[in-house]
Every structure is written in C-alpha cells, then in structure tokens.
C-alpha cells in the first residue's frame, strides 16, 4: 500500500513516501476508507516530533494524519449504515497512534466517520473534521453559545478560528475575531461583526464592552488577558475555553481536547450543505509533498486549512 510513514520521531525529513505499507486491518466495527484527501494540522507536527508520546501509545511505522475524506472500500460485519462506494469524512483519532490518514487505505472506527457533505469537495471535506469539531465542541459544549451572545474568537483566521466564527454566527452570536490587519476582510466575509488587531495591544483594552464568551486559540498573554475580556458569569464560572492551554481550568474556564463524534460531524455537514459553513483551503499538496505541508503548518499564520490529496 502507498502512503507516507515514519519510523522515528523528528523533523519533516523523517516522512517517507512508501509503497510497501501493510494493508490495514478491518475490525468488526471498522470502515475501510480509500482516501481522497487528508487534512494536515498542528497536532500532526507535534506527534511527528514526539510531543504526544506520553499521551498515546505509538507504534512504528506511523502514518500521519487524523483528518480524511474518501470513499468506503469495505466495512466490518457490525457496520450496517455504510457500504462500499459511500463518500465519507471523519476525524480518526484512536487510542493509539499508528494508522493515520496520509495513505491510500485507512481503517476508520465507525464512530469517527459520517457521510461527506454533498456541497463540499473531497479536499474541503478532508480539511474540515478536526478543526471543525474542535470549534463546534468548544462553542456548543464548553461555552454554550446561543442567540445574542457576544463571542470573542482569538486567532480567528486560522483553521479552528475560521470555523468557529462561522459556527458561532450560525448559533446566533455577535462574533468578534482577532487577527492581523491583512485578514480582517477575510473574517468579515465569514460573518464576524467586529475584527480586532491582536498586535495593537491587549484585546481587553480594545473591546467596546466585555463579551459573554471567549474562545482562546493562542494561550500565553491572550489567555492571561481573558478575565478582563469576559463579563462576570452567574456562579463565578468564567465562559472562557482554550484548546491550547490547560491552564484555563485554573481560571474557572474549561480546556477542550477534541474527540471523535459522529453526531457532531453530521451537524458540521448539515451546516455546510445549508450554506452556513465554508472551508478555506490555504494550500493543497500531492501526497509525495506531505513534508512541505507539515512545514507550512508548523510555520503558523496559515489562513484556512492545508490538505494533502491522493486522487
């Protein structure tokens, strides 16, 4: 089988295009997917560098990637709602790290995939799951965003932030995003009512009034400033969540680590097909240039999403 793999932790130079990868197993509740596109995310870089070695068992050779879109090749005997030929997308985080998405065939636990939104291309659908689920779960569960809420999204032009702006707007919120000036128009097109320049001083000093909820995608000074950004909440629990810094828990907020969830994938698909959620592809690379995709993501400041394509 053809795919990208690495046998040791390290920089992008450890990524190899291989034609001899073993055919993946198909368990009872597994969907075997022929990959068309695989998203590339900062976590893929972190795993490749060994930063999650203490959090998940790792088994070399490792195929990188947790996002994909493709066509069902086969299903296990306990899978009854998907069949060969169905188009799917998903976030394939397992309990260990080995079978990633940058390969021709990927074994996906049934809970990790849903039918691909009809309105999205394979590249767009492959870029959506991890970042889209992160934004959706942070906004709907951790922050309980609803109609009329003033929601502040930090680093709003990035992968998670761009989806968060659109999802919060779909939930009826007044959205304020932070970004460099070159991305202000990009965010207004996505539905942000206000856009602030993160390089122009503390965001709390730029707000016309406190917000109801804060989604932190930066950590550091932005998170430290968060208590001044958000209005007091009943019960003293701050409506602040971070997907990058667990220290938010010490502030009375909530740290979010995205999980696979079919219902949430289906909701993202519904939003996409309803015209409420679009995917911005910053760059698409062929599979053999996966190392370049990792380099681009590792450099930060990507507007939208990066994908590798196999078909």
Protein backbone atom coordinates (compact mmCIF):
# COMPACT_ATOMS: atom_id res chain seq x y z
CA UNK A 1 0.00 0.00 0.00
CA UNK A 2 1.18 3.51 -0.82
CA UNK A 3 1.39 6.16 1.87
CA UNK A 4 3.53 8.44 4.00
CA UNK A 5 5.16 6.94 7.09
CA UNK A 6 7.98 7.49 9.58
CA UNK A 7 9.98 5.11 11.75
CA UNK A 8 11.29 7.61 14.30
CA UNK A 9 10.37 10.97 15.79
CA UNK A 10 11.92 14.06 14.24
CA UNK A 11 11.58 16.82 11.69
CA UNK A 12 9.80 16.66 8.33
CA UNK A 13 12.79 14.76 6.91
CA UNK A 14 11.58 11.59 8.69
CA UNK A 15 8.50 11.47 6.46
CA UNK A 16 8.90 8.92 3.68
CA UNK A 17 6.73 8.04 0.69
CA UNK A 18 6.44 4.27 0.77
CA UNK A 19 4.84 1.66 -1.46
CA UNK A 20 5.26 -1.25 0.96
CA UNK A 21 2.97 -0.32 3.83
CA UNK A 22 0.90 -3.27 5.10
CA UNK A 23 -2.77 -3.47 4.22
CA UNK A 24 -4.69 -2.18 7.28
CA UNK A 25 -6.95 -4.48 9.30
CA UNK A 26 -10.73 -4.22 9.10
CA UNK A 27 -12.25 -4.85 12.52
CA UNK A 28 -15.90 -5.71 13.23
CA UNK A 29 -16.91 -2.05 13.65
CA UNK A 30 -14.34 -0.61 11.22
CA UNK A 31 -14.85 1.23 7.95
CA UNK A 32 -12.00 0.87 5.45
CA UNK A 33 -11.72 4.15 3.54
CA UNK A 34 -9.89 4.82 0.28
CA UNK A 35 -8.50 8.28 0.94
CA UNK A 36 -9.03 11.17 -1.46
CA UNK A 37 -7.76 13.95 0.83
CA UNK A 38 -6.22 14.21 4.28
CA UNK A 39 -6.08 17.38 6.36
CA UNK A 40 -2.81 18.49 7.94
CA UNK A 41 -3.00 20.00 11.42
CA UNK A 42 -0.55 21.30 14.05
CA UNK A 43 -1.13 18.14 16.09
CA UNK A 44 0.33 16.08 13.22
CA UNK A 45 3.57 18.03 13.58
CA UNK A 46 3.52 17.58 17.35
CA UNK A 47 3.02 13.82 17.07
CA UNK A 48 5.80 13.52 14.50
CA UNK A 49 8.16 15.37 16.85
CA UNK A 50 7.24 13.06 19.75
CA UNK A 51 5.36 15.57 21.89
CA UNK A 52 2.39 13.24 22.47
CA UNK A 53 4.48 10.14 23.17
CA UNK A 54 3.40 10.25 26.81
CA UNK A 55 -0.28 10.64 26.00
CA UNK A 56 -0.87 7.83 23.48
CA UNK A 57 0.88 4.52 22.72
CA UNK A 58 2.84 4.88 19.45
CA UNK A 59 3.58 2.01 17.06
CA UNK A 60 6.10 2.49 14.25
CA UNK A 61 5.89 2.84 11.34
CA UNK A 62 3.40 5.66 11.88
CA UNK A 63 1.22 7.03 9.11
CA UNK A 64 0.49 10.69 9.99
CA UNK A 65 -2.88 12.42 9.90
CA UNK A 66 -6.19 12.42 11.76
CA UNK A 67 -8.45 14.07 9.09
CA UNK A 68 -9.73 12.45 5.92
CA UNK A 69 -12.35 12.34 3.21
CA UNK A 70 -12.74 9.42 0.85
CA UNK A 71 -14.81 6.50 -0.37
CA UNK A 72 -15.75 3.42 1.62
CA UNK A 73 -13.80 0.39 0.36
CA UNK A 74 -15.11 -2.22 2.83
CA UNK A 75 -16.91 -2.44 6.15
CA UNK A 76 -16.73 -4.78 9.12
CA UNK A 77 -19.66 -7.11 9.84
CA UNK A 78 -21.06 -4.88 12.61
CA UNK A 79 -21.33 -1.81 10.33
CA UNK A 80 -24.82 -1.57 8.84
CA UNK A 81 -25.31 2.09 7.89
CA UNK A 82 -22.38 2.47 5.47
CA UNK A 83 -21.47 0.43 2.40
CA UNK A 84 -18.71 0.27 -0.22
CA UNK A 85 -18.91 3.30 -2.51
CA UNK A 86 -20.30 5.69 0.12
CA UNK A 87 -18.49 9.01 0.41
CA UNK A 88 -17.42 9.82 3.97
CA UNK A 89 -15.33 12.22 6.01
CA UNK A 90 -14.00 11.90 9.52
CA UNK A 91 -11.68 12.60 12.43
CA UNK A 92 -9.75 9.39 13.02
CA UNK A 93 -8.30 9.73 16.49
CA UNK A 94 -7.86 6.34 18.10
CA UNK A 95 -6.49 5.24 21.47
CA UNK A 96 -3.06 4.70 19.90
CA UNK A 97 -1.03 6.25 17.09
CA UNK A 98 -0.21 4.16 14.02
CA UNK A 99 -2.84 4.09 11.27
CA UNK A 100 -3.11 7.70 10.10
CA UNK A 101 -4.83 9.20 7.10
CA UNK A 102 -1.95 10.01 4.71
CA UNK A 103 -2.25 6.64 2.96
CA UNK A 104 -4.34 5.05 0.23
CA UNK A 105 -6.38 2.90 2.63
CA UNK A 106 -7.29 3.89 6.18
CA UNK A 107 -9.13 1.81 8.83
CA UNK A 108 -11.66 4.11 10.49
CA UNK A 109 -13.61 3.24 13.64
CA UNK A 110 -17.29 3.59 12.79
CA UNK A 111 -17.78 6.33 15.41
CA UNK A 112 -15.18 8.52 13.67
CA UNK A 113 -16.81 8.95 10.26
CA UNK A 114 -20.01 10.33 8.73
CA UNK A 115 -21.34 10.85 5.23
CA UNK A 116 -19.47 13.57 3.36
CA UNK A 117 -21.41 16.83 2.88
CA UNK A 118 -22.64 16.93 -0.71
CA UNK A 119 -21.71 20.60 -1.10
CA UNK A 120 -18.02 20.07 -0.31
CA UNK A 121 -15.25 18.68 -2.49
CA UNK A 122 -13.13 15.86 -1.09
CA UNK A 123 -10.34 18.34 -0.36
CA UNK A 124 -12.71 20.64 1.53
CA UNK A 125 -14.30 17.75 3.43
CA UNK A 126 -10.88 16.35 4.32
CA UNK A 127 -9.87 19.68 5.82
CA UNK A 128 -12.97 20.08 7.99
CA UNK A 129 -13.23 17.36 10.69
CA UNK A 130 -10.58 18.04 13.35
CA UNK A 131 -10.70 21.82 13.25
CA UNK A 132 -14.45 21.93 12.70
CA UNK A 133 -15.17 19.55 15.58
CA UNK A 134 -12.82 21.50 17.84
CA UNK A 135 -14.69 24.72 17.14
CA UNK A 136 -18.12 23.10 17.38
CA UNK A 137 -17.49 21.30 20.67
CA UNK A 138 -15.83 24.34 22.25
CA UNK A 139 -18.72 26.63 21.30
CA UNK A 140 -21.70 24.34 21.95
CA UNK A 141 -20.48 22.38 24.97
CA UNK A 142 -17.81 24.33 26.83
CA UNK A 143 -19.20 27.81 26.14
CA UNK A 144 -22.89 27.05 25.50
CA UNK A 145 -23.09 29.82 22.90
CA UNK A 146 -26.58 30.91 21.97
CA UNK A 147 -28.63 33.62 20.34
CA UNK A 148 -27.43 37.14 21.10
CA UNK A 149 -24.20 36.18 22.87
CA UNK A 150 -21.14 38.34 22.26
CA UNK A 151 -18.39 35.82 21.45
CA UNK A 152 -14.69 36.63 21.13
CA UNK A 153 -12.63 34.26 18.95
CA UNK A 154 -8.86 34.63 19.17
CA UNK A 155 -6.67 33.79 16.16
CA UNK A 156 -9.84 33.76 14.12
CA UNK A 157 -8.26 33.45 10.66
CA UNK A 158 -6.63 30.07 11.41
CA UNK A 159 -8.12 26.64 10.86
CA UNK A 160 -10.16 26.35 14.07
CA UNK A 161 -10.85 30.08 14.35
CA UNK A 162 -12.31 30.44 10.85
CA UNK A 163 -14.75 27.60 11.53
CA UNK A 164 -15.54 28.98 15.00
CA UNK A 165 -16.52 32.36 13.57
CA UNK A 166 -18.96 30.75 11.14
CA UNK A 167 -20.40 28.27 13.65
CA UNK A 168 -20.92 31.00 16.27
CA UNK A 169 -22.69 33.15 13.68
CA UNK A 170 -24.92 30.17 12.79
CA UNK A 171 -25.74 29.85 16.51
CA UNK A 172 -26.95 33.46 16.53
CA UNK A 173 -23.96 35.10 18.18
CA UNK A 174 -22.39 38.51 17.63
CA UNK A 175 -18.83 37.46 16.79
CA UNK A 176 -15.64 39.42 17.39
CA UNK A 177 -12.47 37.96 15.91
CA UNK A 178 -8.82 38.82 16.43
CA UNK A 179 -6.39 38.72 13.51
CA UNK A 180 -3.67 40.65 11.74
CA UNK A 181 -4.99 43.51 9.59
CA UNK A 182 -4.45 41.56 6.34
CA UNK A 183 -7.10 39.05 7.50
CA UNK A 184 -9.79 41.48 8.64
CA UNK A 185 -11.72 41.39 5.36
CA UNK A 186 -11.41 37.61 5.27
CA UNK A 187 -13.13 37.37 8.67
CA UNK A 188 -15.84 39.89 7.88
CA UNK A 189 -16.69 37.81 4.82
CA UNK A 190 -17.04 34.84 7.18
CA UNK A 191 -19.60 36.74 9.28
CA UNK A 192 -17.54 38.41 12.01
CA UNK A 193 -19.31 41.58 13.17
CA UNK A 194 -16.06 43.09 14.50
CA UNK A 195 -12.38 42.32 13.95
CA UNK A 196 -9.59 43.47 16.26
CA UNK A 197 -5.84 43.66 15.64
CA UNK A 198 -4.05 41.42 18.13
CA UNK A 199 -0.82 43.36 17.60
CA UNK A 200 -2.39 46.66 18.70
CA UNK A 201 -2.28 45.97 22.43
CA UNK A 202 -4.35 43.95 24.91
CA UNK A 203 -7.68 42.89 23.45
CA UNK A 204 -9.46 43.79 26.70
CA UNK A 205 -8.49 47.43 26.07
CA UNK A 206 -9.83 47.32 22.50
CA UNK A 207 -13.28 45.91 23.31
CA UNK A 208 -16.12 48.41 23.47
CA UNK A 209 -17.70 46.27 26.20
CA UNK A 210 -16.97 42.84 27.75
CA UNK A 211 -18.07 39.73 25.88
CA UNK A 212 -20.14 36.78 27.09
CA UNK A 213 -17.71 34.06 25.98
CA UNK A 214 -14.09 33.74 24.88
CA UNK A 215 -12.57 31.02 22.69
CA UNK A 216 -8.80 31.08 23.18
CA UNK A 217 -6.65 29.62 20.39
CA UNK A 218 -3.42 31.34 21.43
CA UNK A 219 -2.61 30.73 25.08
CA UNK A 220 0.02 32.96 26.69
CA UNK A 221 -0.80 36.65 27.04
CA UNK A 222 -4.14 36.29 25.24
CA UNK A 223 -5.34 33.78 27.83
CA UNK A 224 -3.94 35.81 30.72
CA UNK A 225 -5.93 38.79 29.45
CA UNK A 226 -9.14 36.73 29.11
CA UNK A 227 -10.62 37.51 32.56
CA UNK A 228 -10.68 41.19 31.55
CA UNK A 229 -12.35 40.35 28.25
CA UNK A 230 -15.34 38.40 29.55
CA UNK A 231 -18.15 39.73 31.72
CA UNK A 232 -18.86 38.12 35.09
CA UNK A 233 -20.90 34.94 34.81
CA UNK A 234 -23.52 33.58 37.27
CA UNK A 235 -21.91 31.24 39.79
CA UNK A 236 -18.47 32.65 39.16
CA UNK A 237 -17.67 30.24 36.29
CA UNK A 238 -15.94 32.11 33.50
CA UNK A 239 -17.17 31.39 30.00
CA UNK A 240 -13.64 31.01 28.72
CA UNK A 241 -12.35 27.95 26.92
CA UNK A 242 -8.96 27.15 25.43
CA UNK A 243 -7.92 24.39 23.05
CA UNK A 244 -4.19 25.09 23.51
CA UNK A 245 -3.60 25.72 27.24
CA UNK A 246 -4.98 23.55 30.10
CA UNK A 247 -4.16 26.41 32.50
CA UNK A 248 -7.59 27.79 31.58
CA UNK A 249 -9.03 25.29 34.09
CA UNK A 250 -7.27 27.16 36.91
CA UNK A 251 -9.11 30.33 35.83
CA UNK A 252 -12.51 28.68 36.20
CA UNK A 253 -12.76 28.10 32.47
CA UNK A 254 -12.50 24.87 30.51
CA UNK A 255 -9.83 23.16 28.44
CA UNK A 256 -11.10 21.32 25.34
CA UNK A 257 -9.40 18.39 23.60
CA UNK A 258 -11.48 17.46 20.58
CA UNK A 259 -12.99 13.98 20.40
CA UNK A 260 -14.46 11.95 17.52
CA UNK A 261 -18.24 12.26 17.49
CA UNK A 262 -20.43 11.20 14.58
CA UNK A 263 -23.37 13.40 15.60
CA UNK A 264 -21.14 16.47 15.59
CA UNK A 265 -19.67 15.54 12.20
CA UNK A 266 -23.20 15.23 10.85
CA UNK A 267 -24.03 18.66 12.25
CA UNK A 268 -20.98 20.17 10.55
CA UNK A 269 -22.11 18.53 7.32
CA UNK A 270 -25.61 19.94 7.74
CA UNK A 271 -24.20 23.44 8.23
CA UNK A 272 -22.00 23.09 5.16
CA UNK A 273 -24.89 21.92 2.98
CA UNK A 274 -27.08 24.73 4.36
CA UNK A 275 -24.51 27.33 3.29
CA UNK A 276 -23.61 28.26 6.88
CA UNK A 277 -20.10 26.78 6.84
CA UNK A 278 -17.46 27.00 4.15
CA UNK A 279 -13.93 25.64 4.06
CA UNK A 280 -10.98 27.81 3.04
CA UNK A 281 -8.11 25.80 1.58
CA UNK A 282 -4.84 27.68 2.02
CA UNK A 283 -2.83 25.09 0.07
CA UNK A 284 -3.29 21.57 -1.29
CA UNK A 285 -0.23 19.33 -1.77
CA UNK A 286 0.07 15.97 -3.51
CA UNK A 287 0.83 13.08 -1.16
CA UNK A 288 4.53 12.95 -2.07
CA UNK A 289 4.91 16.56 -0.82
CA UNK A 290 3.49 15.90 2.65
CA UNK A 291 6.72 17.17 4.25
CA UNK A 292 6.12 20.58 2.65
CA UNK A 293 2.58 20.57 4.03
CA UNK A 294 3.95 19.87 7.52
CA UNK A 295 6.48 22.69 7.12
CA UNK A 296 3.77 25.15 6.14
CA UNK A 297 1.54 24.24 9.08
CA UNK A 298 4.45 24.30 11.53
CA UNK A 299 5.29 27.85 10.46
CA UNK A 300 1.92 29.14 11.71
CA UNK A 301 -0.03 32.07 10.28
CA UNK A 302 -1.82 29.87 7.74
CA UNK A 303 -5.13 31.38 6.65
CA UNK A 304 -7.52 28.46 6.48
CA UNK A 305 -6.53 24.81 6.06
CA UNK A 306 -3.79 22.72 4.48
CA UNK A 307 -4.50 19.33 2.86
CA UNK A 308 -2.71 16.57 1.01
CA UNK A 309 -4.55 14.91 -1.87
CA UNK A 310 -4.29 11.33 -3.12
CA UNK A 311 -6.73 11.38 -6.05
